[in-house]
Amino acid sequence: MGPAAPPIRIGYARCSTMGQELDSQLVALRAAGCTRVFSEKISTRVKVRPELAAALALCRDIRSAAPGQTVSNAHTPG
């Protein structure tokens, strides 16, 4: 068995109004080593968040396909 693969980092950024910008969150997630970042502008009142669901589904899919692979999901406060 070879060396362990580096962890896969999945990021999620959200802001609640169209007037807000995601740029600083996206930069922070990339700097944290996220290889895939999902983002959306959606109100906190909306309970269904498609991009969050997609990020979590990707994490589950990777864990299922490669059980030994470390997968972490990150989000920025915002």
N, C-alpha and C. Protein backbone atom coordinates (compact mmCIF):
# COMPACT_ATOMS: atom_id res chain seq x y z
N MET A 1 0.84 -1.18 0.00
CA MET A 1 0.00 0.00 0.00
C MET A 1 0.88 1.24 0.00
N GLY A 2 0.59 2.21 -0.85
CA GLY A 2 1.37 3.43 -0.97
C GLY A 2 1.01 4.45 0.10
N PRO A 3 1.61 5.61 -0.01
CA PRO A 3 1.31 6.66 0.96
C PRO A 3 -0.15 7.10 0.87
N ALA A 4 -0.66 7.58 1.98
CA ALA A 4 -2.05 8.03 2.02
C ALA A 4 -2.24 9.24 1.10
N ALA A 5 -3.36 9.27 0.46
CA ALA A 5 -3.68 10.41 -0.41
C ALA A 5 -3.97 11.63 0.45
N PRO A 6 -3.65 12.81 -0.04
CA PRO A 6 -3.97 14.01 0.73
C PRO A 6 -5.48 14.14 0.88
N PRO A 7 -5.94 14.78 1.94
CA PRO A 7 -7.39 14.92 2.12
C PRO A 7 -8.01 15.75 1.00
N ILE A 8 -9.24 15.43 0.70
CA ILE A 8 -10.01 16.21 -0.27
C ILE A 8 -10.83 17.20 0.54
N ARG A 9 -10.71 18.46 0.20
CA ARG A 9 -11.44 19.50 0.92
C ARG A 9 -12.52 20.10 0.00
N ILE A 10 -13.75 20.04 0.48
CA ILE A 10 -14.91 20.56 -0.23
C ILE A 10 -15.40 21.79 0.52
N GLY A 11 -15.57 22.91 -0.17
CA GLY A 11 -15.99 24.15 0.49
C GLY A 11 -17.39 24.58 0.11
N TYR A 12 -17.98 25.38 1.01
CA TYR A 12 -19.31 25.93 0.77
C TYR A 12 -19.34 27.37 1.26
N ALA A 13 -19.74 28.27 0.38
CA ALA A 13 -19.87 29.69 0.72
C ALA A 13 -21.29 30.13 0.43
N ARG A 14 -21.81 31.00 1.32
CA ARG A 14 -23.17 31.48 1.13
C ARG A 14 -23.28 32.90 1.64
N CYS A 15 -24.07 33.69 0.96
CA CYS A 15 -24.48 34.98 1.48
C CYS A 15 -25.98 35.08 1.26
N SER A 16 -26.61 35.92 2.06
CA SER A 16 -28.07 35.89 2.07
C SER A 16 -28.76 36.93 1.20
N THR A 17 -28.01 37.89 0.66
CA THR A 17 -28.66 38.86 -0.21
C THR A 17 -27.86 39.02 -1.49
N MET A 18 -28.53 39.42 -2.53
CA MET A 18 -27.86 39.60 -3.81
C MET A 18 -26.84 40.74 -3.75
N GLY A 19 -27.02 41.68 -2.82
CA GLY A 19 -26.09 42.80 -2.69
C GLY A 19 -24.78 42.42 -2.02
N GLN A 20 -24.74 41.28 -1.34
CA GLN A 20 -23.52 40.83 -0.69
C GLN A 20 -22.63 40.10 -1.68
N GLU A 21 -21.35 40.09 -1.38
CA GLU A 21 -20.38 39.44 -2.26
C GLU A 21 -19.82 38.18 -1.61
N LEU A 22 -19.57 37.20 -2.42
CA LEU A 22 -18.98 35.94 -1.98
C LEU A 22 -17.46 35.92 -2.10
N ASP A 23 -16.89 36.91 -2.76
CA ASP A 23 -15.48 36.89 -3.12
C ASP A 23 -14.55 36.56 -1.95
N SER A 24 -14.71 37.24 -0.81
CA SER A 24 -13.78 37.01 0.30
C SER A 24 -13.93 35.59 0.85
N GLN A 25 -15.14 35.06 0.86
CA GLN A 25 -15.34 33.69 1.31
C GLN A 25 -14.69 32.70 0.35
N LEU A 26 -14.85 32.94 -0.94
CA LEU A 26 -14.27 32.05 -1.94
C LEU A 26 -12.75 32.05 -1.86
N VAL A 27 -12.18 33.23 -1.66
CA VAL A 27 -10.72 33.34 -1.52
C VAL A 27 -10.26 32.56 -0.28
N ALA A 28 -10.98 32.71 0.82
CA ALA A 28 -10.61 32.02 2.06
C ALA A 28 -10.70 30.50 1.91
N LEU A 29 -11.73 30.03 1.24
CA LEU A 29 -11.88 28.59 1.04
C LEU A 29 -10.78 28.03 0.13
N ARG A 30 -10.45 28.76 -0.92
CA ARG A 30 -9.35 28.33 -1.79
C ARG A 30 -8.03 28.31 -1.01
N ALA A 31 -7.81 29.35 -0.19
CA ALA A 31 -6.58 29.42 0.61
C ALA A 31 -6.52 28.27 1.62
N ALA A 32 -7.67 27.78 2.05
CA ALA A 32 -7.73 26.66 2.99
C ALA A 32 -7.51 25.32 2.30
N GLY A 33 -7.34 25.35 0.97
CA GLY A 33 -7.05 24.14 0.23
C GLY A 33 -8.26 23.41 -0.32
N CYS A 34 -9.41 24.08 -0.38
CA CYS A 34 -10.60 23.44 -0.94
C CYS A 34 -10.39 23.25 -2.44
N THR A 35 -10.57 22.03 -2.89
CA THR A 35 -10.39 21.73 -4.31
C THR A 35 -11.68 21.92 -5.10
N ARG A 36 -12.79 21.89 -4.40
CA ARG A 36 -14.10 22.13 -5.02
C ARG A 36 -14.88 23.03 -4.08
N VAL A 37 -15.43 24.10 -4.60
CA VAL A 37 -16.17 25.04 -3.78
C VAL A 37 -17.56 25.25 -4.38
N PHE A 38 -18.56 25.09 -3.57
CA PHE A 38 -19.95 25.34 -3.94
C PHE A 38 -20.35 26.67 -3.32
N SER A 39 -21.13 27.46 -4.01
CA SER A 39 -21.54 28.75 -3.46
C SER A 39 -22.93 29.12 -3.94
N GLU A 40 -23.60 29.91 -3.13
CA GLU A 40 -24.92 30.39 -3.52
C GLU A 40 -25.27 31.65 -2.74
N LYS A 41 -26.12 32.43 -3.36
CA LYS A 41 -26.71 33.60 -2.72
C LYS A 41 -28.17 33.23 -2.46
N ILE A 42 -28.45 32.96 -1.18
CA ILE A 42 -29.78 32.48 -0.84
C ILE A 42 -30.10 32.92 0.59
N SER A 43 -31.31 33.32 0.82
CA SER A 43 -31.75 33.84 2.11
C SER A 43 -31.67 32.77 3.19
N THR A 44 -31.43 33.21 4.42
CA THR A 44 -31.43 32.28 5.55
C THR A 44 -32.84 31.74 5.79
N ARG A 45 -33.83 32.41 5.27
CA ARG A 45 -35.21 31.95 5.42
C ARG A 45 -35.52 30.74 4.54
N VAL A 46 -34.75 30.57 3.50
CA VAL A 46 -34.95 29.44 2.59
C VAL A 46 -34.31 28.21 3.23
N LYS A 47 -35.11 27.19 3.41
CA LYS A 47 -34.61 25.98 4.08
C LYS A 47 -33.93 25.01 3.12
N VAL A 48 -34.23 25.10 1.84
CA VAL A 48 -33.60 24.22 0.84
C VAL A 48 -32.46 24.99 0.21
N ARG A 49 -31.27 24.46 0.36
CA ARG A 49 -30.07 25.10 -0.20
C ARG A 49 -29.42 24.12 -1.16
N PRO A 50 -29.70 24.26 -2.45
CA PRO A 50 -29.23 23.28 -3.44
C PRO A 50 -27.71 23.10 -3.47
N GLU A 51 -26.96 24.17 -3.35
CA GLU A 51 -25.50 24.04 -3.43
C GLU A 51 -24.93 23.37 -2.18
N LEU A 52 -25.52 23.64 -1.02
CA LEU A 52 -25.10 22.94 0.20
C LEU A 52 -25.40 21.46 0.07
N ALA A 53 -26.58 21.14 -0.43
CA ALA A 53 -26.95 19.74 -0.64
C ALA A 53 -25.99 19.06 -1.62
N ALA A 54 -25.60 19.77 -2.67
CA ALA A 54 -24.66 19.21 -3.65
C ALA A 54 -23.28 18.98 -3.03
N ALA A 55 -22.83 19.92 -2.18
CA ALA A 55 -21.54 19.76 -1.52
C ALA A 55 -21.54 18.55 -0.61
N LEU A 56 -22.59 18.40 0.18
CA LEU A 56 -22.69 17.26 1.09
C LEU A 56 -22.82 15.95 0.33
N ALA A 57 -23.55 15.97 -0.78
CA ALA A 57 -23.69 14.76 -1.61
C ALA A 57 -22.34 14.35 -2.19
N LEU A 58 -21.55 15.32 -2.63
CA LEU A 58 -20.22 15.01 -3.16
C LEU A 58 -19.35 14.38 -2.07
N CYS A 59 -19.41 14.92 -0.87
CA CYS A 59 -18.64 14.33 0.24
C CYS A 59 -19.07 12.88 0.48
N ARG A 60 -20.37 12.63 0.50
CA ARG A 60 -20.87 11.26 0.69
C ARG A 60 -20.42 10.35 -0.45
N ASP A 61 -20.50 10.85 -1.68
CA ASP A 61 -20.12 10.04 -2.84
C ASP A 61 -18.64 9.65 -2.78
N ILE A 62 -17.79 10.60 -2.42
CA ILE A 62 -16.36 10.32 -2.34
C ILE A 62 -16.09 9.31 -1.23
N ARG A 63 -16.72 9.52 -0.08
CA ARG A 63 -16.52 8.58 1.04
C ARG A 63 -16.99 7.17 0.68
N SER A 64 -18.07 7.09 -0.10
CA SER A 64 -18.60 5.80 -0.51
C SER A 64 -17.68 5.12 -1.53
N ALA A 65 -17.17 5.89 -2.48
CA ALA A 65 -16.33 5.34 -3.54
C ALA A 65 -14.92 5.03 -3.07
N ALA A 66 -14.43 5.79 -2.10
CA ALA A 66 -13.07 5.61 -1.60
C ALA A 66 -13.10 5.69 -0.07
N PRO A 67 -13.51 4.60 0.59
CA PRO A 67 -13.69 4.63 2.04
C PRO A 67 -12.46 5.08 2.83
N GLY A 68 -11.27 4.84 2.33
CA GLY A 68 -10.07 5.24 3.05
C GLY A 68 -9.66 6.68 2.82
N GLN A 69 -10.34 7.36 1.91
CA GLN A 69 -9.99 8.73 1.56
C GLN A 69 -10.57 9.70 2.60
N THR A 70 -9.73 10.58 3.10
CA THR A 70 -10.20 11.61 4.03
C THR A 70 -10.86 12.72 3.24
N VAL A 71 -12.09 13.06 3.62
CA VAL A 71 -12.83 14.13 2.98
C VAL A 71 -13.28 15.10 4.07
N SER A 72 -13.01 16.37 3.88
CA SER A 72 -13.48 17.35 4.85
C SER A 72 -14.30 18.39 4.12
N ASN A 73 -15.32 18.87 4.80
CA ASN A 73 -16.10 19.95 4.23
C ASN A 73 -15.94 21.18 5.11
N ALA A 74 -15.82 22.32 4.45
CA ALA A 74 -15.59 23.57 5.15
C ALA A 74 -16.58 24.61 4.68
N HIS A 75 -16.93 25.50 5.59
CA HIS A 75 -17.76 26.63 5.22
C HIS A 75 -17.22 27.87 5.91
N THR A 76 -17.54 28.99 5.35
CA THR A 76 -17.11 30.25 5.95
C THR A 76 -18.29 30.87 6.65
N PRO A 77 -18.06 31.52 7.77
CA PRO A 77 -19.18 32.21 8.41
C PRO A 77 -19.60 33.38 7.54
N GLY A 78 -20.86 33.51 7.32
CA GLY A 78 -21.28 34.61 6.46
C GLY A 78 -22.75 34.70 6.31
